[in-house]
Amino acid sequence: MGSHASSRTELGRRAGDPDFYRVLSMLRELQASDSFGIRVEETKGGAGGIMVFRGRHVEDATAATAQKVRELLHLSPNAEEFRLAFGAVPEDDKEIAMLTRSMMEILAEASAGVEIPASDVDEGRVSKMGAPGASEGVGPRFLIRVHSSTSKPEADEAFTAVRYRNYWFWVDDRDLSSKRGLGFLMMLFTLVESGPTVAPPVLSISKP
């Protein structure tokens, strides 16, 4: 059974698997020590991702962390390279299967960090997202924290701000985590739009 992230959306609300966040934390640790990386290789079916554990010249603690990641992901304890695949079930113990969220689902999760005006909730304009239901201390913080008020924020306080109906919504310029989250979303939008552009249909109107 694979681990999964939490969800704050109305339809997909669920608690996150503690092991999911343990794996993420350990992968960050390995990446920081240059003991973990990902490369892309061309295959007959297209490009494929390979996750690599660099086993040579690492400290005992780092090697132990890499082994724990293998254990949590049910991977081969001896292999250093693992294939990345899209799916719910891996083919063998040298493959990591992942089910990623769509862009719409990512935006829905990001919206959980918006401070919703109480009047909008009372009037039924929007439903308020609750906590993801994860255990105490388990799970990620909001990707982006968006504040709201009836007054416009000061220019030196807001990283970005927009007025919608009778409220102002903004990201605090001192909130580095939210600024990184917003930058991450913009990068995803850029990747989504990098494909070929389809020309719109041409409408021809003949003269009578």
N, C-alpha and C. Protein backbone atom coordinates (compact mmCIF):
# COMPACT_ATOMS: atom_id res chain seq x y z
N MET A 1 0.84 -1.17 0.00
CA MET A 1 0.00 0.00 0.00
C MET A 1 0.88 1.23 0.00
N GLY A 2 0.70 2.13 -0.95
CA GLY A 2 1.51 3.31 -1.05
C GLY A 2 1.06 4.39 -0.08
N SER A 3 1.96 5.31 0.24
CA SER A 3 1.62 6.42 1.11
C SER A 3 1.08 7.57 0.27
N HIS A 4 0.40 8.52 0.94
CA HIS A 4 -0.21 9.60 0.20
C HIS A 4 -0.15 10.89 1.00
N ALA A 5 -0.28 12.01 0.27
CA ALA A 5 -0.30 13.32 0.90
C ALA A 5 -1.70 13.62 1.39
N SER A 6 -1.80 14.61 2.27
CA SER A 6 -3.11 15.02 2.76
C SER A 6 -3.82 15.87 1.72
N SER A 7 -5.12 16.08 1.92
CA SER A 7 -5.90 16.92 1.02
C SER A 7 -6.88 17.74 1.84
N ARG A 8 -7.00 19.02 1.49
CA ARG A 8 -7.93 19.90 2.18
C ARG A 8 -9.17 20.19 1.33
N THR A 9 -9.25 19.65 0.13
CA THR A 9 -10.39 19.92 -0.73
C THR A 9 -11.63 19.23 -0.20
N GLU A 10 -12.80 19.75 -0.57
CA GLU A 10 -14.05 19.23 -0.05
C GLU A 10 -14.28 17.78 -0.42
N LEU A 11 -13.98 17.43 -1.68
CA LEU A 11 -14.22 16.07 -2.14
C LEU A 11 -13.11 15.10 -1.74
N GLY A 12 -11.89 15.60 -1.71
CA GLY A 12 -10.76 14.70 -1.45
C GLY A 12 -10.18 14.81 -0.07
N ARG A 13 -10.89 15.44 0.87
CA ARG A 13 -10.33 15.67 2.19
C ARG A 13 -9.95 14.37 2.88
N ARG A 14 -8.70 14.31 3.31
CA ARG A 14 -8.21 13.11 3.98
C ARG A 14 -6.93 13.45 4.73
N ALA A 15 -6.63 12.62 5.68
CA ALA A 15 -5.40 12.80 6.43
C ALA A 15 -4.22 12.29 5.62
N GLY A 16 -3.08 12.94 5.78
CA GLY A 16 -1.88 12.48 5.09
C GLY A 16 -1.23 11.33 5.82
N ASP A 17 -0.60 10.46 5.07
CA ASP A 17 0.13 9.35 5.65
C ASP A 17 1.42 9.90 6.28
N PRO A 18 1.65 9.66 7.58
CA PRO A 18 2.88 10.16 8.21
C PRO A 18 4.14 9.72 7.47
N ASP A 19 4.15 8.52 6.90
CA ASP A 19 5.33 8.04 6.18
C ASP A 19 5.60 8.87 4.93
N PHE A 20 4.55 9.43 4.33
CA PHE A 20 4.73 10.25 3.12
C PHE A 20 5.62 11.45 3.45
N TYR A 21 5.33 12.11 4.56
CA TYR A 21 6.09 13.30 4.94
C TYR A 21 7.46 12.93 5.50
N ARG A 22 7.57 11.75 6.08
CA ARG A 22 8.89 11.27 6.52
C ARG A 22 9.80 11.07 5.31
N VAL A 23 9.26 10.46 4.26
CA VAL A 23 10.05 10.24 3.05
C VAL A 23 10.47 11.57 2.44
N LEU A 24 9.55 12.53 2.36
CA LEU A 24 9.89 13.85 1.80
C LEU A 24 11.01 14.51 2.59
N SER A 25 10.90 14.45 3.91
CA SER A 25 11.91 15.07 4.76
C SER A 25 13.28 14.41 4.56
N MET A 26 13.29 13.10 4.48
CA MET A 26 14.56 12.39 4.31
C MET A 26 15.15 12.61 2.92
N LEU A 27 14.29 12.73 1.90
CA LEU A 27 14.80 13.01 0.56
C LEU A 27 15.43 14.41 0.50
N ARG A 28 14.85 15.37 1.21
CA ARG A 28 15.45 16.71 1.27
C ARG A 28 16.81 16.64 1.94
N GLU A 29 16.89 15.83 3.00
CA GLU A 29 18.16 15.66 3.72
C GLU A 29 19.21 15.05 2.80
N LEU A 30 18.84 14.03 2.04
CA LEU A 30 19.78 13.39 1.13
C LEU A 30 20.18 14.33 0.00
N GLN A 31 19.21 15.11 -0.49
CA GLN A 31 19.52 16.05 -1.56
C GLN A 31 20.50 17.12 -1.09
N ALA A 32 20.31 17.59 0.16
CA ALA A 32 21.19 18.62 0.71
C ALA A 32 22.62 18.11 0.85
N SER A 33 22.79 16.80 1.08
CA SER A 33 24.13 16.22 1.22
C SER A 33 24.66 15.67 -0.10
N ASP A 34 23.96 15.98 -1.20
CA ASP A 34 24.35 15.54 -2.54
C ASP A 34 24.40 14.02 -2.64
N SER A 35 23.49 13.35 -1.91
CA SER A 35 23.45 11.89 -1.92
C SER A 35 22.24 11.35 -2.67
N PHE A 36 21.49 12.25 -3.29
CA PHE A 36 20.28 11.85 -3.99
C PHE A 36 20.06 12.81 -5.16
N GLY A 37 19.59 12.27 -6.27
CA GLY A 37 19.32 13.11 -7.42
C GLY A 37 18.39 12.41 -8.40
N ILE A 38 17.94 13.17 -9.40
CA ILE A 38 17.06 12.64 -10.43
C ILE A 38 17.60 13.03 -11.80
N ARG A 39 17.60 12.09 -12.73
CA ARG A 39 18.01 12.40 -14.08
C ARG A 39 16.95 11.89 -15.05
N VAL A 40 16.96 12.42 -16.24
CA VAL A 40 15.99 12.04 -17.27
C VAL A 40 16.71 11.31 -18.39
N GLU A 41 16.20 10.16 -18.78
CA GLU A 41 16.80 9.37 -19.85
C GLU A 41 15.79 9.17 -20.97
N GLU A 42 16.26 9.18 -22.20
CA GLU A 42 15.40 8.92 -23.35
C GLU A 42 15.22 7.42 -23.53
N THR A 43 13.99 7.00 -23.68
CA THR A 43 13.67 5.59 -23.91
C THR A 43 12.82 5.47 -25.17
N LYS A 44 12.52 4.23 -25.56
CA LYS A 44 11.69 4.03 -26.74
C LYS A 44 10.30 4.64 -26.58
N GLY A 45 9.79 4.63 -25.37
CA GLY A 45 8.46 5.19 -25.13
C GLY A 45 8.48 6.67 -24.81
N GLY A 46 9.66 7.32 -24.85
CA GLY A 46 9.78 8.73 -24.51
C GLY A 46 10.76 8.92 -23.36
N ALA A 47 10.75 10.09 -22.78
CA ALA A 47 11.65 10.39 -21.68
C ALA A 47 11.17 9.72 -20.40
N GLY A 48 12.11 9.23 -19.62
CA GLY A 48 11.79 8.58 -18.35
C GLY A 48 12.70 9.08 -17.25
N GLY A 49 12.16 9.16 -16.04
CA GLY A 49 12.93 9.65 -14.91
C GLY A 49 13.60 8.53 -14.13
N ILE A 50 14.79 8.80 -13.63
CA ILE A 50 15.54 7.85 -12.82
C ILE A 50 15.94 8.54 -11.52
N MET A 51 15.59 7.93 -10.39
CA MET A 51 16.01 8.46 -9.09
C MET A 51 17.27 7.71 -8.67
N VAL A 52 18.29 8.45 -8.26
CA VAL A 52 19.60 7.88 -7.98
C VAL A 52 20.01 8.17 -6.55
N PHE A 53 20.43 7.11 -5.83
CA PHE A 53 21.05 7.26 -4.53
C PHE A 53 22.55 7.10 -4.74
N ARG A 54 23.30 8.12 -4.40
CA ARG A 54 24.76 8.05 -4.55
C ARG A 54 25.33 7.38 -3.31
N GLY A 55 25.70 6.11 -3.46
CA GLY A 55 26.09 5.32 -2.31
C GLY A 55 27.55 5.47 -1.90
N ARG A 56 28.40 6.02 -2.76
CA ARG A 56 29.82 6.08 -2.45
C ARG A 56 30.17 7.35 -1.69
N HIS A 57 31.14 7.23 -0.81
CA HIS A 57 31.70 8.36 -0.07
C HIS A 57 30.63 9.13 0.70
N VAL A 58 29.71 8.42 1.35
CA VAL A 58 28.71 9.08 2.18
C VAL A 58 28.91 8.65 3.62
N GLU A 59 28.50 9.50 4.54
CA GLU A 59 28.63 9.19 5.95
C GLU A 59 27.63 8.10 6.34
N ASP A 60 27.92 7.46 7.47
CA ASP A 60 27.06 6.36 7.93
C ASP A 60 25.63 6.81 8.15
N ALA A 61 25.44 8.03 8.71
CA ALA A 61 24.10 8.54 8.97
C ALA A 61 23.34 8.75 7.67
N THR A 62 24.03 9.24 6.65
CA THR A 62 23.40 9.48 5.35
C THR A 62 23.02 8.15 4.70
N ALA A 63 23.90 7.17 4.80
CA ALA A 63 23.62 5.85 4.25
C ALA A 63 22.42 5.23 4.95
N ALA A 64 22.31 5.45 6.26
CA ALA A 64 21.18 4.91 7.01
C ALA A 64 19.88 5.57 6.58
N THR A 65 19.93 6.87 6.29
CA THR A 65 18.74 7.58 5.82
C THR A 65 18.29 7.04 4.46
N ALA A 66 19.26 6.81 3.57
CA ALA A 66 18.93 6.26 2.25
C ALA A 66 18.30 4.88 2.38
N GLN A 67 18.80 4.08 3.29
CA GLN A 67 18.24 2.75 3.50
C GLN A 67 16.82 2.84 4.06
N LYS A 68 16.58 3.82 4.92
CA LYS A 68 15.24 3.99 5.49
C LYS A 68 14.24 4.40 4.41
N VAL A 69 14.69 5.23 3.48
CA VAL A 69 13.83 5.62 2.36
C VAL A 69 13.47 4.40 1.53
N ARG A 70 14.46 3.55 1.26
CA ARG A 70 14.20 2.32 0.52
C ARG A 70 13.17 1.45 1.25
N GLU A 71 13.33 1.38 2.56
CA GLU A 71 12.42 0.55 3.37
C GLU A 71 10.99 1.09 3.31
N LEU A 72 10.82 2.39 3.46
CA LEU A 72 9.48 2.97 3.46
C LEU A 72 8.80 2.88 2.10
N LEU A 73 9.62 2.92 1.03
CA LEU A 73 9.07 2.83 -0.32
C LEU A 73 9.07 1.40 -0.86
N HIS A 74 9.48 0.44 -0.01
CA HIS A 74 9.52 -0.98 -0.39
C HIS A 74 10.40 -1.19 -1.63
N LEU A 75 11.58 -0.60 -1.59
CA LEU A 75 12.52 -0.71 -2.70
C LEU A 75 13.63 -1.69 -2.36
N SER A 76 14.35 -2.09 -3.40
CA SER A 76 15.48 -2.99 -3.23
C SER A 76 16.51 -2.34 -2.31
N PRO A 77 17.00 -3.04 -1.29
CA PRO A 77 17.95 -2.44 -0.35
C PRO A 77 19.34 -2.25 -0.93
N ASN A 78 19.62 -2.87 -2.07
CA ASN A 78 20.97 -2.81 -2.64
C ASN A 78 21.09 -1.94 -3.88
N ALA A 79 20.01 -1.74 -4.60
CA ALA A 79 20.06 -0.96 -5.84
C ALA A 79 20.28 0.51 -5.53
N GLU A 80 20.92 1.22 -6.45
CA GLU A 80 21.17 2.65 -6.30
C GLU A 80 20.34 3.48 -7.27
N GLU A 81 19.74 2.85 -8.29
CA GLU A 81 18.94 3.56 -9.27
C GLU A 81 17.55 2.93 -9.34
N PHE A 82 16.53 3.81 -9.43
CA PHE A 82 15.15 3.35 -9.47
C PHE A 82 14.37 4.13 -10.52
N ARG A 83 13.55 3.43 -11.28
CA ARG A 83 12.74 4.06 -12.32
C ARG A 83 11.55 4.79 -11.69
N LEU A 84 11.21 5.95 -12.26
CA LEU A 84 10.02 6.68 -11.83
C LEU A 84 8.91 6.40 -12.84
N ALA A 85 7.74 6.02 -12.35
CA ALA A 85 6.63 5.67 -13.23
C ALA A 85 5.34 6.29 -12.72
N PHE A 86 4.42 6.56 -13.62
CA PHE A 86 3.11 7.10 -13.25
C PHE A 86 2.18 5.92 -13.01
N GLY A 87 1.61 5.85 -11.81
CA GLY A 87 0.72 4.74 -11.49
C GLY A 87 0.60 4.55 -10.00
N ALA A 88 -0.31 3.65 -9.60
CA ALA A 88 -0.56 3.40 -8.18
C ALA A 88 0.27 2.24 -7.63
N VAL A 89 0.69 1.34 -8.51
CA VAL A 89 1.40 0.14 -8.06
C VAL A 89 2.69 -0.02 -8.86
N PRO A 90 3.85 -0.16 -8.19
CA PRO A 90 5.11 -0.35 -8.90
C PRO A 90 5.20 -1.73 -9.54
N GLU A 91 5.97 -1.82 -10.61
CA GLU A 91 6.14 -3.09 -11.31
C GLU A 91 7.01 -4.04 -10.52
N ASP A 92 8.04 -3.51 -9.85
CA ASP A 92 8.94 -4.33 -9.03
C ASP A 92 9.60 -3.45 -7.99
N ASP A 93 10.59 -3.98 -7.27
CA ASP A 93 11.21 -3.21 -6.20
C ASP A 93 12.30 -2.27 -6.69
N LYS A 94 12.38 -2.07 -8.00
CA LYS A 94 13.30 -1.07 -8.56
C LYS A 94 12.53 0.02 -9.30
N GLU A 95 11.25 0.13 -9.00
CA GLU A 95 10.41 1.16 -9.62
C GLU A 95 9.63 1.90 -8.54
N ILE A 96 9.52 3.23 -8.70
CA ILE A 96 8.73 4.06 -7.80
C ILE A 96 7.52 4.58 -8.57
N ALA A 97 6.35 4.11 -8.19
CA ALA A 97 5.12 4.51 -8.87
C ALA A 97 4.50 5.71 -8.14
N MET A 98 4.10 6.72 -8.91
CA MET A 98 3.53 7.94 -8.31
C MET A 98 2.27 8.35 -9.07
N LEU A 99 1.26 8.77 -8.31
CA LEU A 99 0.06 9.36 -8.88
C LEU A 99 0.08 10.84 -8.53
N THR A 100 0.41 11.66 -9.51
CA THR A 100 0.51 13.09 -9.26
C THR A 100 -0.84 13.77 -9.43
N ARG A 101 -1.00 14.93 -8.81
CA ARG A 101 -2.24 15.67 -8.91
C ARG A 101 -2.25 16.54 -10.16
N SER A 102 -3.44 16.80 -10.66
CA SER A 102 -3.58 17.66 -11.83
C SER A 102 -3.36 19.11 -11.41
N MET A 103 -3.21 19.99 -12.40
CA MET A 103 -3.04 21.41 -12.11
C MET A 103 -4.25 21.96 -11.37
N MET A 104 -5.44 21.52 -11.74
CA MET A 104 -6.65 21.98 -11.07
C MET A 104 -6.66 21.54 -9.60
N GLU A 105 -6.21 20.31 -9.33
CA GLU A 105 -6.17 19.82 -7.95
C GLU A 105 -5.13 20.58 -7.12
N ILE A 106 -4.00 20.93 -7.74
CA ILE A 106 -2.97 21.70 -7.04
C ILE A 106 -3.50 23.08 -6.68
N LEU A 107 -4.23 23.71 -7.60
CA LEU A 107 -4.81 25.03 -7.32
C LEU A 107 -5.85 24.93 -6.21
N ALA A 108 -6.63 23.85 -6.21
CA ALA A 108 -7.64 23.66 -5.16
C ALA A 108 -6.97 23.53 -3.80
N GLU A 109 -5.85 22.79 -3.75
CA GLU A 109 -5.13 22.64 -2.48
C GLU A 109 -4.54 23.99 -2.05
N ALA A 110 -4.02 24.76 -3.01
CA ALA A 110 -3.44 26.06 -2.69
C ALA A 110 -4.48 27.02 -2.15
N SER A 111 -5.73 26.88 -2.61
CA SER A 111 -6.80 27.79 -2.17
C SER A 111 -7.16 27.59 -0.71
N ALA A 112 -6.73 26.48 -0.10
CA ALA A 112 -7.03 26.24 1.31
C ALA A 112 -6.36 27.25 2.22
N GLY A 113 -5.33 27.94 1.73
CA GLY A 113 -4.63 28.92 2.54
C GLY A 113 -5.19 30.32 2.44
N VAL A 114 -6.33 30.48 1.78
CA VAL A 114 -6.94 31.80 1.63
C VAL A 114 -7.85 32.09 2.83
N GLU A 115 -7.68 33.26 3.44
CA GLU A 115 -8.57 33.69 4.51
C GLU A 115 -9.90 34.12 3.89
N ILE A 116 -10.93 33.32 4.10
CA ILE A 116 -12.22 33.59 3.47
C ILE A 116 -13.04 34.52 4.35
N PRO A 117 -13.53 35.64 3.82
CA PRO A 117 -14.38 36.52 4.61
C PRO A 117 -15.59 35.77 5.15
N ALA A 118 -15.91 35.98 6.43
CA ALA A 118 -17.02 35.26 7.06
C ALA A 118 -18.33 35.52 6.34
N SER A 119 -18.51 36.73 5.81
CA SER A 119 -19.76 37.06 5.13
C SER A 119 -19.96 36.22 3.88
N ASP A 120 -18.87 35.89 3.17
CA ASP A 120 -18.98 35.07 1.97
C ASP A 120 -19.39 33.65 2.32
N VAL A 121 -18.90 33.14 3.47
CA VAL A 121 -19.28 31.80 3.91
C VAL A 121 -20.75 31.79 4.34
N ASP A 122 -21.15 32.81 5.11
CA ASP A 122 -22.53 32.89 5.61
C ASP A 122 -23.53 33.01 4.46
N GLU A 123 -23.15 33.70 3.40
CA GLU A 123 -24.05 33.90 2.27
C GLU A 123 -24.02 32.75 1.27
N GLY A 124 -23.18 31.74 1.55
CA GLY A 124 -23.12 30.58 0.67
C GLY A 124 -22.36 30.81 -0.62
N ARG A 125 -21.53 31.86 -0.65
CA ARG A 125 -20.75 32.14 -1.86
C ARG A 125 -19.58 31.17 -2.03
N VAL A 126 -19.10 30.62 -0.91
CA VAL A 126 -17.94 29.74 -0.94
C VAL A 126 -18.00 28.83 0.27
N SER A 127 -17.43 27.64 0.16
CA SER A 127 -17.34 26.74 1.30
C SER A 127 -15.97 26.87 1.92
N LYS A 128 -15.91 26.84 3.23
CA LYS A 128 -14.65 27.01 3.93
C LYS A 128 -13.95 25.67 4.07
N MET A 129 -12.70 25.61 3.65
CA MET A 129 -11.92 24.38 3.76
C MET A 129 -11.39 24.23 5.18
N GLY A 130 -11.50 23.05 5.71
CA GLY A 130 -11.02 22.79 7.05
C GLY A 130 -9.62 22.24 7.05
N ALA A 131 -9.19 21.79 8.21
CA ALA A 131 -7.87 21.16 8.34
C ALA A 131 -7.87 19.85 7.59
N PRO A 132 -6.72 19.38 7.13
CA PRO A 132 -6.65 18.15 6.34
C PRO A 132 -6.96 16.90 7.13
N GLY A 133 -7.05 17.00 8.45
CA GLY A 133 -7.35 15.83 9.26
C GLY A 133 -6.13 15.02 9.61
N ALA A 134 -4.95 15.55 9.38
CA ALA A 134 -3.72 14.83 9.69
C ALA A 134 -3.49 14.82 11.19
N SER A 135 -2.64 13.93 11.63
CA SER A 135 -2.33 13.83 13.04
C SER A 135 -1.59 15.08 13.50
N GLU A 136 -1.53 15.27 14.79
CA GLU A 136 -0.85 16.44 15.36
C GLU A 136 0.60 16.49 14.89
N GLY A 137 0.96 17.62 14.30
CA GLY A 137 2.34 17.80 13.86
C GLY A 137 2.67 17.10 12.56
N VAL A 138 1.69 16.48 11.90
CA VAL A 138 1.95 15.76 10.66
C VAL A 138 1.28 16.49 9.50
N GLY A 139 2.00 16.63 8.40
CA GLY A 139 1.40 17.25 7.24
C GLY A 139 2.04 18.58 6.92
N PRO A 140 1.86 19.06 5.70
CA PRO A 140 2.51 20.29 5.27
C PRO A 140 1.76 21.52 5.72
N ARG A 141 2.46 22.64 5.75
CA ARG A 141 1.80 23.91 5.96
C ARG A 141 1.10 24.29 4.66
N PHE A 142 0.31 25.36 4.73
CA PHE A 142 -0.34 25.82 3.51
C PHE A 142 0.71 26.18 2.47
N LEU A 143 0.42 25.85 1.22
CA LEU A 143 1.35 26.20 0.14
C LEU A 143 1.47 27.71 0.03
N ILE A 144 0.34 28.42 0.11
CA ILE A 144 0.31 29.88 0.05
C ILE A 144 -0.68 30.39 1.09
N ARG A 145 -0.25 31.31 1.93
CA ARG A 145 -1.14 31.93 2.89
C ARG A 145 -1.57 33.29 2.33
N VAL A 146 -2.88 33.45 2.11
CA VAL A 146 -3.42 34.68 1.53
C VAL A 146 -4.31 35.35 2.58
N HIS A 147 -3.98 36.59 2.90
CA HIS A 147 -4.76 37.35 3.87
C HIS A 147 -5.87 38.12 3.16
N SER A 148 -6.89 38.53 3.92
CA SER A 148 -7.99 39.29 3.34
C SER A 148 -8.48 40.34 4.32
N SER A 149 -8.97 41.45 3.79
CA SER A 149 -9.55 42.51 4.61
C SER A 149 -10.29 43.47 3.69
N THR A 150 -11.09 44.35 4.28
CA THR A 150 -11.84 45.32 3.47
C THR A 150 -10.95 46.50 3.06
N SER A 151 -9.83 46.68 3.74
CA SER A 151 -8.93 47.79 3.42
C SER A 151 -7.72 47.30 2.64
N LYS A 152 -7.20 48.15 1.78
CA LYS A 152 -6.04 47.82 0.97
C LYS A 152 -4.79 47.75 1.83
N PRO A 153 -3.97 46.69 1.70
CA PRO A 153 -2.75 46.60 2.51
C PRO A 153 -1.73 47.66 2.10
N GLU A 154 -0.86 48.01 3.03
CA GLU A 154 0.19 48.98 2.73
C GLU A 154 1.13 48.41 1.67
N ALA A 155 1.67 49.28 0.83
CA ALA A 155 2.53 48.85 -0.28
C ALA A 155 3.74 48.07 0.19
N ASP A 156 4.29 48.43 1.36
CA ASP A 156 5.49 47.75 1.85
C ASP A 156 5.16 46.46 2.60
N GLU A 157 3.88 46.13 2.76
CA GLU A 157 3.47 44.92 3.45
C GLU A 157 3.13 43.79 2.49
N ALA A 158 2.62 44.13 1.32
CA ALA A 158 2.10 43.12 0.39
C ALA A 158 3.11 42.78 -0.71
N PHE A 159 3.38 41.50 -0.86
CA PHE A 159 4.20 41.03 -1.98
C PHE A 159 3.40 41.15 -3.28
N THR A 160 2.13 40.79 -3.21
CA THR A 160 1.19 40.98 -4.31
C THR A 160 -0.20 41.10 -3.70
N ALA A 161 -1.08 41.87 -4.35
CA ALA A 161 -2.42 42.11 -3.81
C ALA A 161 -3.40 42.26 -4.95
N VAL A 162 -4.65 41.88 -4.70
CA VAL A 162 -5.70 42.02 -5.71
C VAL A 162 -7.01 42.32 -4.98
N ARG A 163 -7.84 43.14 -5.59
CA ARG A 163 -9.15 43.47 -5.01
C ARG A 163 -10.21 42.66 -5.73
N TYR A 164 -11.03 41.95 -4.97
CA TYR A 164 -12.12 41.15 -5.53
C TYR A 164 -13.39 41.51 -4.79
N ARG A 165 -14.35 42.07 -5.51
CA ARG A 165 -15.58 42.57 -4.92
C ARG A 165 -15.23 43.59 -3.84
N ASN A 166 -15.64 43.34 -2.61
CA ASN A 166 -15.44 44.34 -1.56
C ASN A 166 -14.24 44.03 -0.65
N TYR A 167 -13.41 43.09 -1.07
CA TYR A 167 -12.28 42.68 -0.22
C TYR A 167 -10.96 42.74 -0.97
N TRP A 168 -9.89 42.95 -0.20
CA TRP A 168 -8.54 42.86 -0.71
C TRP A 168 -7.93 41.54 -0.25
N PHE A 169 -7.23 40.88 -1.15
CA PHE A 169 -6.53 39.63 -0.85
C PHE A 169 -5.06 39.84 -1.18
N TRP A 170 -4.17 39.45 -0.25
CA TRP A 170 -2.76 39.69 -0.50
C TRP A 170 -1.88 38.66 0.19
N VAL A 171 -0.64 38.56 -0.32
CA VAL A 171 0.40 37.73 0.26
C VAL A 171 1.39 38.64 0.97
N ASP A 172 1.66 38.36 2.23
CA ASP A 172 2.57 39.19 3.03
C ASP A 172 3.98 39.11 2.45
N ASP A 173 4.61 40.26 2.30
CA ASP A 173 5.95 40.31 1.72
C ASP A 173 6.99 39.68 2.63
N ARG A 174 6.66 39.48 3.92
CA ARG A 174 7.59 38.86 4.86
C ARG A 174 7.38 37.35 4.97
N ASP A 175 6.41 36.84 4.23
CA ASP A 175 6.09 35.41 4.27
C ASP A 175 6.86 34.69 3.15
N LEU A 176 8.08 34.29 3.45
CA LEU A 176 8.94 33.68 2.42
C LEU A 176 8.36 32.36 1.91
N SER A 177 7.74 31.59 2.80
CA SER A 177 7.17 30.31 2.40
C SER A 177 6.07 30.50 1.36
N SER A 178 5.19 31.47 1.59
CA SER A 178 4.10 31.73 0.63
C SER A 178 4.64 32.30 -0.68
N LYS A 179 5.68 33.11 -0.59
CA LYS A 179 6.27 33.67 -1.80
C LYS A 179 6.90 32.58 -2.65
N ARG A 180 7.54 31.62 -1.99
CA ARG A 180 8.10 30.48 -2.72
C ARG A 180 6.98 29.63 -3.33
N GLY A 181 5.89 29.45 -2.55
CA GLY A 181 4.76 28.68 -3.06
C GLY A 181 4.14 29.32 -4.28
N LEU A 182 4.01 30.64 -4.26
CA LEU A 182 3.44 31.36 -5.41
C LEU A 182 4.37 31.25 -6.61
N GLY A 183 5.67 31.34 -6.37
CA GLY A 183 6.63 31.17 -7.46
C GLY A 183 6.58 29.78 -8.04
N PHE A 184 6.35 28.78 -7.18
CA PHE A 184 6.23 27.39 -7.63
C PHE A 184 5.01 27.23 -8.55
N LEU A 185 3.89 27.83 -8.16
CA LEU A 185 2.69 27.76 -9.00
C LEU A 185 2.92 28.43 -10.35
N MET A 186 3.59 29.57 -10.36
CA MET A 186 3.87 30.26 -11.61
C MET A 186 4.76 29.41 -12.51
N MET A 187 5.72 28.70 -11.91
CA MET A 187 6.58 27.81 -12.69
C MET A 187 5.75 26.68 -13.32
N LEU A 188 4.80 26.12 -12.54
CA LEU A 188 3.94 25.06 -13.08
C LEU A 188 3.11 25.58 -14.25
N PHE A 189 2.59 26.79 -14.13
CA PHE A 189 1.82 27.37 -15.23
C PHE A 189 2.69 27.51 -16.48
N THR A 190 3.95 27.90 -16.27
CA THR A 190 4.87 28.03 -17.41
C THR A 190 5.10 26.69 -18.09
N LEU A 191 5.26 25.63 -17.29
CA LEU A 191 5.46 24.29 -17.86
C LEU A 191 4.23 23.82 -18.61
N VAL A 192 3.05 24.11 -18.06
CA VAL A 192 1.81 23.69 -18.71
C VAL A 192 1.65 24.38 -20.06
N GLU A 193 2.07 25.63 -20.14
CA GLU A 193 1.88 26.41 -21.36
C GLU A 193 3.01 26.25 -22.36
N SER A 194 3.97 25.36 -22.08
CA SER A 194 5.15 25.24 -22.94
C SER A 194 4.91 24.36 -24.16
N GLY A 195 3.74 23.73 -24.24
CA GLY A 195 3.45 22.85 -25.37
C GLY A 195 3.12 23.63 -26.63
N PRO A 196 2.91 22.92 -27.73
CA PRO A 196 2.58 23.60 -28.99
C PRO A 196 1.24 24.31 -28.91
N THR A 197 1.15 25.44 -29.58
CA THR A 197 -0.07 26.23 -29.60
C THR A 197 -0.93 25.80 -30.78
N VAL A 198 -2.18 25.50 -30.48
CA VAL A 198 -3.11 25.09 -31.53
C VAL A 198 -3.77 26.32 -32.12
N ALA A 199 -3.69 26.45 -33.44
CA ALA A 199 -4.29 27.60 -34.11
C ALA A 199 -5.81 27.54 -34.01
N PRO A 200 -6.46 28.68 -33.71
CA PRO A 200 -7.92 28.68 -33.61
C PRO A 200 -8.54 28.50 -34.99
N PRO A 201 -9.79 28.00 -35.07
CA PRO A 201 -10.44 27.84 -36.37
C PRO A 201 -10.67 29.19 -37.04
N VAL A 202 -10.65 29.17 -38.36
CA VAL A 202 -10.84 30.40 -39.15
C VAL A 202 -12.28 30.42 -39.66
N LEU A 203 -12.95 31.53 -39.39
CA LEU A 203 -14.33 31.70 -39.83
C LEU A 203 -14.35 32.54 -41.09
N SER A 204 -14.87 31.98 -42.16
CA SER A 204 -14.94 32.69 -43.44
C SER A 204 -16.40 33.05 -43.73
N ILE A 205 -16.61 34.31 -44.08
CA ILE A 205 -17.96 34.78 -44.41
C ILE A 205 -17.94 35.28 -45.85
N SER A 206 -18.66 34.62 -46.69
CA SER A 206 -18.69 35.00 -48.10
C SER A 206 -19.67 36.16 -48.31
N LYS A 207 -19.34 36.98 -49.29
CA LYS A 207 -20.21 38.12 -49.61
C LYS A 207 -21.45 37.62 -50.33
N PRO A 208 -22.59 38.22 -50.06
CA PRO A 208 -23.82 37.79 -50.74
C PRO A 208 -23.78 38.14 -52.21
